[in-house]
Amino acid sequence: MDNKRRILTSPYKNAFVFEYGNLDDNTIWILPPSQKVFNIDQFTLKVILDMNNGTKVDVISKKYDLPMEEIQSILNKLSFESAITEQNCGRIMMSQNNDTVDLAPLLTLSVVMLFIQIEYFRNVAHTFIMNSFADSMIVAIIAIAVVFFHELGHYLACIKHFKPRFGFMFVSIFPTIYVNTNLSWTLSKSIRIFINLSGAFADLIVNTVLVFMVVLFPKVEYFITPLLMLQYSRLLIVLNPLLPGDGYWILSDVLNKVNLKQKSLRELLSFRFNFMSFFGLVSFIMMVVPMIFFGIYIFNLIYSFIQKLGLL
């Protein structure tokens, strides 16, 4: 305990090594040697810069009216991410990334593909209930496999700016792969939006290819339409800004707002009629529609299984 007190009341002898930059909500992103980007506020950055200059920690505590425990917590976080080093090895760099990307071509192509798929459901699709349990399971397996293309879209959007990594996790009971796009926080807003949109864009490409498969081979409509319904269910979940996914981060960037979920639900439940409550209502609908689609699929699965057992 005495040694810890001596460290906190003497000039800070270590230095920091990380890169940082400003975000649109006036917070700071930190890129430490661990390559795990995290956010801090402007106040915390001032504290770190003072320590980096060798200011005594107890002086910093008095200067900012900051408890020693909170300073220690900051140091623990930076130490865990390998961002604290010896004095002669320290290096704090501010990044000014002004690169941008034009989103208009991506959005235009998305609208065109979406129009094609709407026309497919208006004029071609007719198989919403499949005939057998085995057929339903085939569609489910294909739907899980097709998730790869969504993540591939994110990967290809990132590769120009940094090398993303694939990972594996379970969503509920379903295994899935994902691309870690955490480093996109070090990029400009337009590029972050582009990266978050790229997964949905890849889904639209896959869906359009499936539609043209039906045009070329009409009999595969029996499998394609249920598969597309699962695709749209997943897409609505991914883009739902009430859930921690692509849609949430896209809207946060577009509106320059944080904590969208909490604010919109609070406004909606208070029956206030404004943009945030409208946003919350739309997000709620985006949660209900996938549940209906999944409900149709599950009903089909159970119904076909009971038929197979000869109970109907």
Protein backbone atom coordinates (compact mmCIF):
# COMPACT_ATOMS: atom_id res chain seq x y z
CA MET A 1 0.00 0.00 0.00
CA ASP A 2 2.94 2.37 0.87
CA ASN A 3 4.60 1.60 -2.46
CA LYS A 4 1.37 2.34 -4.30
CA ARG A 5 1.03 5.64 -2.43
CA ARG A 6 4.65 6.54 -3.27
CA ILE A 7 3.98 5.93 -6.98
CA LEU A 8 0.89 8.13 -6.94
CA THR A 9 2.58 11.02 -5.11
CA SER A 10 5.82 11.12 -7.12
CA PRO A 11 6.37 12.31 -10.71
CA TYR A 12 4.82 9.76 -13.04
CA LYS A 13 7.90 7.91 -14.37
CA ASN A 14 6.30 5.88 -17.15
CA ALA A 15 4.98 7.17 -20.45
CA PHE A 16 2.16 6.24 -22.78
CA VAL A 17 2.16 4.86 -26.28
CA PHE A 18 -1.00 5.08 -28.37
CA GLU A 19 -2.65 6.86 -31.27
CA TYR A 20 -5.81 8.91 -30.81
CA GLY A 21 -8.30 11.00 -32.73
CA ASN A 22 -11.58 12.88 -32.37
CA LEU A 23 -15.03 11.40 -32.88
CA ASP A 24 -18.15 13.31 -33.91
CA ASP A 25 -19.72 13.12 -30.43
CA ASN A 26 -16.71 15.01 -28.99
CA THR A 27 -15.19 11.86 -27.48
CA ILE A 28 -11.76 10.43 -28.26
CA TRP A 29 -10.84 7.08 -29.80
CA ILE A 30 -7.67 5.42 -28.50
CA LEU A 31 -5.67 2.89 -30.53
CA PRO A 32 -3.20 1.17 -28.14
CA PRO A 33 -0.55 -1.45 -29.11
CA SER A 34 -3.12 -4.18 -28.33
CA GLN A 35 -5.05 -2.88 -31.39
CA LYS A 36 -8.29 -2.85 -29.35
CA VAL A 37 -9.86 0.53 -30.02
CA PHE A 38 -11.78 2.09 -27.14
CA ASN A 39 -13.28 5.49 -26.36
CA ILE A 40 -12.47 8.02 -23.65
CA ASP A 41 -13.72 11.56 -23.04
CA GLN A 42 -11.76 14.79 -23.44
CA PHE A 43 -11.30 15.07 -19.68
CA THR A 44 -9.61 11.66 -19.42
CA LEU A 45 -7.28 12.57 -22.27
CA LYS A 46 -6.16 15.68 -20.38
CA VAL A 47 -5.38 13.53 -17.34
CA ILE A 48 -3.34 11.11 -19.43
CA LEU A 49 -1.40 13.90 -21.16
CA ASP A 50 -0.56 15.45 -17.78
CA MET A 51 0.76 12.13 -16.49
CA ASN A 52 2.69 11.66 -19.73
CA ASN A 53 4.43 14.97 -18.99
CA GLY A 54 5.56 13.63 -15.61
CA THR A 55 3.08 15.49 -13.40
CA LYS A 56 2.61 13.96 -9.97
CA VAL A 57 -0.53 11.90 -9.74
CA ASP A 58 -1.65 13.52 -6.48
CA VAL A 59 -1.26 16.93 -8.15
CA ILE A 60 -3.46 15.75 -11.01
CA SER A 61 -5.99 14.46 -8.49
CA LYS A 62 -6.23 17.89 -6.83
CA LYS A 63 -6.14 19.78 -10.13
CA TYR A 64 -9.12 17.92 -11.59
CA ASP A 65 -10.81 16.97 -8.29
CA LEU A 66 -10.40 13.36 -9.33
CA PRO A 67 -10.23 10.51 -6.77
CA MET A 68 -7.02 8.48 -6.76
CA GLU A 69 -9.07 5.35 -7.43
CA GLU A 70 -10.31 6.76 -10.74
CA ILE A 71 -6.79 7.66 -11.82
CA GLN A 72 -5.68 4.15 -10.92
CA SER A 73 -8.58 2.78 -12.96
CA ILE A 74 -7.41 4.77 -16.00
CA LEU A 75 -3.87 3.45 -15.54
CA ASN A 76 -5.12 -0.13 -15.17
CA LYS A 77 -7.07 0.13 -18.42
CA LEU A 78 -4.11 1.52 -20.33
CA SER A 79 -1.75 -1.02 -18.80
CA PHE A 80 -4.09 -3.86 -19.77
CA GLU A 81 -4.02 -2.65 -23.39
CA SER A 82 -0.18 -2.38 -23.31
CA ALA A 83 -0.39 1.41 -23.68
CA ILE A 84 2.05 2.17 -20.80
CA THR A 85 5.77 1.89 -21.43
CA GLU A 86 9.11 3.21 -20.16
CA GLN A 87 9.70 6.97 -20.29
CA ASN A 88 12.08 6.89 -23.26
CA CYS A 89 9.74 4.71 -25.32
CA GLY A 90 6.56 6.77 -24.98
CA ARG A 91 4.80 8.13 -28.03
CA ILE A 92 1.35 9.68 -28.18
CA MET A 93 0.23 10.52 -31.71
CA MET A 94 -2.85 12.40 -32.82
CA SER A 95 -4.35 11.06 -36.03
CA GLN A 96 -5.96 13.34 -38.61
CA ASN A 97 -7.79 10.99 -40.99
CA ASN A 98 -9.59 13.14 -43.54
CA ASP A 99 -10.25 10.40 -46.10
CA THR A 100 -13.85 10.18 -47.27
CA VAL A 101 -15.91 7.96 -49.54
CA ASP A 102 -18.85 8.78 -51.80
CA LEU A 103 -21.87 6.79 -50.57
CA ALA A 104 -24.12 7.72 -53.52
CA PRO A 105 -23.14 4.79 -55.84
CA LEU A 106 -23.63 2.25 -53.03
CA LEU A 107 -27.04 3.66 -52.10
CA THR A 108 -28.15 3.91 -55.75
CA LEU A 109 -27.25 0.29 -56.50
CA SER A 110 -28.96 -0.80 -53.27
CA VAL A 111 -32.21 0.91 -54.30
CA VAL A 112 -32.06 -0.72 -57.77
CA MET A 113 -31.50 -4.19 -56.30
CA LEU A 114 -34.22 -3.67 -53.71
CA PHE A 115 -36.66 -2.65 -56.46
CA ILE A 116 -35.83 -5.86 -58.41
CA GLN A 117 -36.49 -7.96 -55.30
CA ILE A 118 -39.78 -6.19 -54.56
CA GLU A 119 -40.91 -6.92 -58.11
CA TYR A 120 -39.94 -10.56 -57.57
CA PHE A 121 -42.28 -10.85 -54.58
CA ARG A 122 -45.04 -8.99 -56.40
CA ASN A 123 -44.95 -11.06 -59.60
CA VAL A 124 -43.02 -14.32 -59.13
CA ALA A 125 -42.90 -15.57 -55.53
CA HIS A 126 -45.63 -17.97 -54.46
CA THR A 127 -43.96 -20.57 -52.18
CA PHE A 128 -44.30 -19.41 -48.59
CA ILE A 129 -45.07 -22.78 -47.02
CA MET A 130 -42.79 -25.68 -47.95
CA ASN A 131 -43.98 -29.25 -48.35
CA SER A 132 -41.54 -31.18 -46.18
CA PHE A 133 -39.43 -30.98 -43.05
CA ALA A 134 -36.30 -31.97 -44.98
CA ASP A 135 -36.77 -29.13 -47.49
CA SER A 136 -37.19 -26.64 -44.65
CA MET A 137 -33.97 -27.83 -43.02
CA ILE A 138 -32.11 -27.46 -46.33
CA VAL A 139 -33.24 -23.84 -46.56
CA ALA A 140 -32.20 -23.21 -42.93
CA ILE A 141 -28.71 -24.61 -43.53
CA ILE A 142 -28.27 -22.51 -46.69
CA ALA A 143 -29.49 -19.40 -44.83
CA ILE A 144 -26.83 -19.91 -42.14
CA ALA A 145 -24.12 -20.48 -44.77
CA VAL A 146 -25.10 -17.34 -46.70
CA VAL A 147 -24.23 -15.20 -43.63
CA PHE A 148 -20.62 -15.58 -44.82
CA PHE A 149 -21.30 -13.18 -47.71
CA HIS A 150 -22.62 -10.52 -45.32
CA GLU A 151 -19.38 -10.66 -43.35
CA LEU A 152 -17.35 -10.83 -46.56
CA GLY A 153 -18.92 -7.50 -47.53
CA HIS A 154 -17.64 -5.95 -44.29
CA TYR A 155 -14.23 -7.53 -44.85
CA LEU A 156 -13.82 -6.17 -48.39
CA ALA A 157 -14.92 -2.69 -47.27
CA CYS A 158 -12.29 -2.69 -44.49
CA ILE A 159 -9.33 -4.20 -46.34
CA LYS A 160 -8.28 -0.90 -47.96
CA HIS A 161 -7.97 0.81 -44.57
CA PHE A 162 -6.88 -1.96 -42.19
CA LYS A 163 -6.66 -5.73 -42.02
CA PRO A 164 -9.85 -6.99 -40.34
CA ARG A 165 -10.06 -10.34 -38.59
CA PHE A 166 -12.71 -13.04 -38.86
CA GLY A 167 -14.14 -14.44 -35.65
CA PHE A 168 -16.68 -17.06 -34.56
CA MET A 169 -19.50 -16.80 -32.05
CA PHE A 170 -22.98 -18.08 -31.19
CA VAL A 171 -26.03 -15.85 -31.66
CA SER A 172 -28.58 -17.50 -29.35
CA ILE A 173 -27.99 -21.14 -30.35
CA PHE A 174 -26.88 -20.43 -33.91
CA PRO A 175 -23.18 -20.54 -34.85
CA THR A 176 -22.03 -17.63 -36.98
CA ILE A 177 -18.87 -15.94 -38.21
CA TYR A 178 -18.23 -12.23 -37.92
CA VAL A 179 -15.65 -9.63 -38.96
CA ASN A 180 -14.10 -7.47 -36.26
CA THR A 181 -14.48 -3.90 -37.59
CA ASN A 182 -13.47 -2.20 -34.34
CA LEU A 183 -10.61 -0.34 -36.05
CA SER A 184 -13.13 1.51 -38.22
CA TRP A 185 -13.47 3.96 -35.29
CA THR A 186 -10.12 5.39 -36.40
CA LEU A 187 -11.59 6.35 -39.80
CA SER A 188 -13.80 9.21 -40.96
CA LYS A 189 -17.57 9.13 -40.56
CA SER A 190 -18.35 8.45 -44.24
CA ILE A 191 -15.98 5.47 -44.29
CA ARG A 192 -17.48 4.07 -41.08
CA ILE A 193 -20.96 4.31 -42.62
CA PHE A 194 -19.67 2.65 -45.80
CA ILE A 195 -18.19 -0.24 -43.79
CA ASN A 196 -21.40 -0.73 -41.78
CA LEU A 197 -23.55 -0.62 -44.94
CA SER A 198 -21.33 -3.06 -46.84
CA GLY A 199 -22.75 -6.16 -45.12
CA ALA A 200 -26.34 -5.30 -46.07
CA PHE A 201 -25.15 -4.39 -49.57
CA ALA A 202 -23.58 -7.86 -49.91
CA ASP A 203 -26.90 -9.40 -48.79
CA LEU A 204 -28.74 -7.45 -51.51
CA ILE A 205 -26.27 -8.74 -54.10
CA VAL A 206 -26.84 -12.32 -52.95
CA ASN A 207 -30.62 -11.81 -52.98
CA THR A 208 -30.52 -10.37 -56.49
CA VAL A 209 -28.48 -13.34 -57.72
CA LEU A 210 -31.08 -15.67 -56.16
CA VAL A 211 -33.87 -13.79 -57.97
CA PHE A 212 -32.12 -14.21 -61.32
CA MET A 213 -31.63 -17.91 -60.57
CA VAL A 214 -35.41 -18.23 -60.43
CA VAL A 215 -35.68 -16.40 -63.77
CA LEU A 216 -33.27 -18.91 -65.32
CA PHE A 217 -34.53 -21.98 -63.46
CA PRO A 218 -38.18 -21.40 -62.38
CA LYS A 219 -38.42 -24.63 -60.38
CA VAL A 220 -35.92 -23.41 -57.77
CA GLU A 221 -38.48 -20.78 -56.68
CA TYR A 222 -39.75 -23.40 -54.25
CA PHE A 223 -36.49 -23.03 -52.27
CA ILE A 224 -35.54 -19.45 -53.14
CA THR A 225 -38.63 -17.65 -51.80
CA PRO A 226 -38.41 -19.15 -48.26
CA LEU A 227 -34.66 -18.49 -48.32
CA LEU A 228 -35.25 -14.84 -49.26
CA MET A 229 -37.75 -14.49 -46.41
CA LEU A 230 -35.09 -15.68 -43.96
CA GLN A 231 -32.60 -13.31 -45.59
CA TYR A 232 -34.90 -10.32 -45.10
CA SER A 233 -35.64 -11.36 -41.53
CA ARG A 234 -31.95 -11.37 -40.71
CA LEU A 235 -31.38 -8.14 -42.65
CA LEU A 236 -34.09 -6.34 -40.68
CA ILE A 237 -32.52 -7.53 -37.43
CA VAL A 238 -29.03 -6.44 -38.53
CA LEU A 239 -30.26 -3.00 -39.63
CA ASN A 240 -32.56 -2.43 -36.66
CA PRO A 241 -31.13 0.63 -34.92
CA LEU A 242 -32.51 -0.51 -31.57
CA LEU A 243 -30.12 -3.47 -31.61
CA PRO A 244 -26.30 -3.24 -31.30
CA GLY A 245 -25.57 -3.93 -34.97
CA ASP A 246 -24.90 -2.27 -38.30
CA GLY A 247 -28.10 -0.20 -38.29
CA TYR A 248 -27.42 1.25 -34.85
CA TRP A 249 -23.92 2.45 -35.75
CA ILE A 250 -25.03 3.77 -39.15
CA LEU A 251 -27.77 5.92 -37.63
CA SER A 252 -25.51 7.05 -34.78
CA ASP A 253 -22.98 8.28 -37.34
CA VAL A 254 -25.59 9.90 -39.59
CA LEU A 255 -27.26 11.78 -36.70
CA ASN A 256 -24.11 12.35 -34.64
CA LYS A 257 -26.01 11.02 -31.63
CA VAL A 258 -25.13 8.48 -28.95
CA ASN A 259 -27.40 6.30 -26.79
CA LEU A 260 -30.08 6.26 -29.49
CA LYS A 261 -31.78 3.17 -28.10
CA GLN A 262 -32.32 4.56 -24.61
CA LYS A 263 -33.46 7.98 -25.85
CA SER A 264 -35.89 6.66 -28.46
CA LEU A 265 -37.51 4.11 -26.13
CA ARG A 266 -37.88 6.74 -23.41
CA GLU A 267 -39.61 9.12 -25.82
CA LEU A 268 -41.81 6.35 -27.26
CA LEU A 269 -42.92 5.05 -23.87
CA SER A 270 -43.66 8.62 -22.76
CA PHE A 271 -45.98 9.02 -25.78
CA ARG A 272 -44.09 12.07 -27.00
CA PHE A 273 -44.45 12.64 -30.73
CA ASN A 274 -41.08 13.68 -32.15
CA PHE A 275 -38.27 12.31 -34.29
CA MET A 276 -36.86 10.09 -31.55
CA SER A 277 -40.24 8.49 -30.75
CA PHE A 278 -40.85 7.96 -34.49
CA PHE A 279 -37.43 6.33 -34.72
CA GLY A 280 -38.30 4.09 -31.77
CA LEU A 281 -41.61 3.08 -33.39
CA VAL A 282 -39.94 2.20 -36.71
CA SER A 283 -37.31 0.19 -34.85
CA PHE A 284 -40.02 -1.67 -32.95
CA ILE A 285 -41.77 -2.54 -36.23
CA MET A 286 -38.43 -3.76 -37.58
CA MET A 287 -38.30 -6.15 -34.63
CA VAL A 288 -41.85 -7.43 -35.14
CA VAL A 289 -41.64 -8.13 -38.89
CA PRO A 290 -38.69 -10.58 -38.60
CA MET A 291 -40.57 -12.35 -35.81
CA ILE A 292 -43.52 -12.81 -38.18
CA PHE A 293 -41.24 -14.14 -40.94
CA PHE A 294 -39.50 -16.50 -38.52
CA GLY A 295 -42.88 -17.51 -37.14
CA ILE A 296 -44.06 -18.53 -40.62
CA TYR A 297 -40.89 -20.55 -41.11
CA ILE A 298 -41.15 -22.28 -37.70
CA PHE A 299 -44.84 -23.04 -38.29
CA ASN A 300 -43.91 -24.57 -41.65
CA LEU A 301 -41.15 -26.61 -39.99
CA ILE A 302 -43.43 -27.99 -37.27
CA TYR A 303 -46.34 -28.57 -39.63
CA SER A 304 -44.22 -30.51 -42.13
CA PHE A 305 -42.66 -32.57 -39.31
CA ILE A 306 -46.09 -33.54 -37.95
CA GLN A 307 -47.17 -34.47 -41.47
CA LYS A 308 -44.12 -36.68 -41.80
CA LEU A 309 -45.07 -38.52 -38.63
CA GLY A 310 -48.50 -39.13 -40.14
CA LEU A 311 -50.35 -37.30 -37.40
CA LEU A 312 -52.19 -35.12 -39.92
